[in-house]
Amino acid sequence: MLNNYIPILILMLFAIAFAIVCVFLSKFIGPKNPNPVKLSTYESGMEPVGTARQRFSVKYYMAAMLFILFDIEIVFLYPWAVAYRKFIPNTVYYALIEMSVFIAILLVGYIYMIRKGALNWD
C-alpha cells in the first residue's frame, strides 16, 4: 500500500529541487545593476511618505469582514442550491429551513455591520 505514495514523494522532491535550483540560478545568472534608486525602500523612485506603522481606520477592517461574510455565504450557498433537487422529498423542507436559518444568521451580521457604519466612508 505504501507503493501508491511513491509517485507523490517523487513529485514533491522534484518540486523542492526545482524551487531551490531556480532561486540559485536567478541569484547567479540574473542581472546585477544595483543603484541608489533600486536599493531604496521603494523601486518607484519616490521617497516614502509617512511611516510604515500607520494605523488604518476600523471601518476598513469592518468592510473586509463584510466581504468575507458574503464570500463565505456564497461558498456554502452554491453547493446547497446545486444539490437541492436531489434531496429526498421528505427532507426538502428540512433543507429549506436549514438554509433559511443560515441566511438569517448572516442577515443579523449584515444588519450589525450597517448599524456600526461599516459601509459609510465619511
Protein backbone atom coordinates (compact mmCIF):
# COMPACT_ATOMS: atom_id res chain seq x y z
CA MET A 1 0.00 0.00 0.00
CA LEU A 2 2.94 2.32 0.59
CA ASN A 3 3.91 1.94 -3.08
CA ASN A 4 0.96 4.17 -4.03
CA TYR A 5 2.65 7.16 -2.38
CA ILE A 6 6.00 6.85 -4.18
CA PRO A 7 4.93 9.00 -7.19
CA ILE A 8 3.72 11.72 -4.81
CA LEU A 9 7.03 11.63 -2.94
CA ILE A 10 8.97 11.86 -6.22
CA LEU A 11 6.83 14.81 -7.33
CA MET A 12 7.39 16.62 -4.02
CA LEU A 13 11.15 16.07 -4.21
CA PHE A 14 11.18 17.30 -7.81
CA ALA A 15 9.20 20.41 -6.85
CA ILE A 16 11.51 21.24 -3.94
CA ALA A 17 14.62 20.68 -6.05
CA PHE A 18 13.19 22.80 -8.88
CA ALA A 19 12.45 25.68 -6.50
CA ILE A 20 15.95 25.56 -4.99
CA VAL A 21 17.61 25.41 -8.42
CA CYS A 22 15.54 28.36 -9.69
CA VAL A 23 16.46 30.50 -6.68
CA PHE A 24 20.18 29.80 -7.06
CA LEU A 25 20.11 30.27 -10.84
CA SER A 26 18.40 33.64 -10.55
CA LYS A 27 20.96 34.70 -7.95
CA PHE A 28 23.96 33.75 -10.08
CA ILE A 29 22.69 34.36 -13.64
CA GLY A 30 20.33 37.29 -13.06
CA PRO A 31 21.32 40.87 -13.90
CA LYS A 32 23.08 42.83 -11.19
CA ASN A 33 22.58 46.54 -11.72
CA PRO A 34 22.21 47.99 -8.23
CA ASN A 35 21.80 51.74 -7.99
CA PRO A 36 20.61 54.02 -5.20
CA VAL A 37 17.05 54.09 -6.53
CA LYS A 38 16.75 50.31 -6.63
CA LEU A 39 18.34 49.97 -3.21
CA SER A 40 15.88 52.43 -1.67
CA THR A 41 12.74 51.31 0.13
CA TYR A 42 10.57 51.57 -2.97
CA GLU A 43 11.72 50.96 -6.53
CA SER A 44 9.36 53.58 -7.91
CA GLY A 45 11.94 56.28 -7.22
CA MET A 46 9.63 58.17 -4.86
CA GLU A 47 10.57 58.80 -1.26
CA PRO A 48 8.27 57.08 1.23
CA VAL A 49 5.71 59.36 2.84
CA GLY A 50 4.76 58.70 6.45
CA THR A 51 5.67 55.68 8.49
CA ALA A 52 5.07 52.02 7.83
CA ARG A 53 3.33 51.77 11.19
CA GLN A 54 0.42 53.99 10.17
CA ARG A 55 -2.91 52.98 11.68
CA PHE A 56 -5.86 52.17 9.47
CA SER A 57 -9.44 53.04 10.25
CA VAL A 58 -11.55 50.36 11.87
CA LYS A 59 -14.05 50.84 9.03
CA TYR A 60 -11.54 49.29 6.64
CA TYR A 61 -11.49 46.10 8.69
CA MET A 62 -15.28 46.14 9.07
CA ALA A 63 -15.66 46.30 5.28
CA ALA A 64 -13.18 43.44 4.92
CA MET A 65 -15.17 41.34 7.40
CA LEU A 66 -18.34 42.16 5.47
CA PHE A 67 -16.72 40.94 2.26
CA ILE A 68 -15.61 37.72 3.95
CA LEU A 69 -19.10 37.26 5.37
CA PHE A 70 -20.71 37.32 1.93
CA ASP A 71 -17.91 35.35 0.34
CA ILE A 72 -18.44 32.53 2.81
CA GLU A 73 -22.17 32.73 2.23
CA ILE A 74 -21.73 32.09 -1.48
CA VAL A 75 -19.28 29.24 -0.82
CA PHE A 76 -21.90 27.45 1.28
CA LEU A 77 -24.98 28.51 -0.68
CA TYR A 78 -23.90 27.41 -4.17
CA PRO A 79 -23.37 23.66 -3.46
CA TRP A 80 -26.60 23.60 -1.46
CA ALA A 81 -28.52 25.13 -4.37
CA VAL A 82 -27.00 22.63 -6.84
CA ALA A 83 -27.91 19.66 -4.64
CA TYR A 84 -31.38 20.97 -3.68
CA ARG A 85 -33.22 18.96 -6.35
CA LYS A 86 -31.55 15.74 -5.22
CA PHE A 87 -32.85 15.92 -1.65
CA ILE A 88 -35.30 13.21 -0.68
CA PRO A 89 -38.85 14.64 -0.79
CA ASN A 90 -39.20 14.32 2.99
CA THR A 91 -36.03 16.31 3.67
CA VAL A 92 -36.66 19.16 1.23
CA TYR A 93 -38.42 21.23 3.87
CA TYR A 94 -35.72 20.48 6.42
CA ALA A 95 -33.04 21.64 3.95
CA LEU A 96 -35.02 24.78 3.15
CA ILE A 97 -35.43 25.63 6.86
CA GLU A 98 -31.75 24.91 7.46
CA MET A 99 -30.67 27.31 4.72
CA SER A 100 -33.17 29.92 5.90
CA VAL A 101 -31.61 29.82 9.38
CA PHE A 102 -28.14 30.16 7.81
CA ILE A 103 -29.20 33.19 5.77
CA ALA A 104 -30.94 34.68 8.82
CA ILE A 105 -27.71 34.44 10.83
CA LEU A 106 -25.84 36.17 8.01
CA LEU A 107 -28.56 38.80 7.81
CA VAL A 108 -28.10 39.54 11.52
CA GLY A 109 -24.38 40.05 10.87
CA TYR A 110 -25.15 42.32 7.92
CA ILE A 111 -27.54 44.44 9.94
CA TYR A 112 -24.95 44.69 12.71
CA MET A 113 -22.35 45.92 10.21
CA ILE A 114 -24.76 48.52 8.80
CA ARG A 115 -25.59 49.80 12.28
CA LYS A 116 -21.89 50.09 13.09
CA GLY A 117 -21.42 52.16 9.92
CA ALA A 118 -19.12 49.79 8.06
CA LEU A 119 -20.44 50.96 4.69
CA ASN A 120 -20.11 54.69 5.43
CA TRP A 121 -16.81 56.10 4.20
CA ASP A 122 -17.13 59.58 5.72
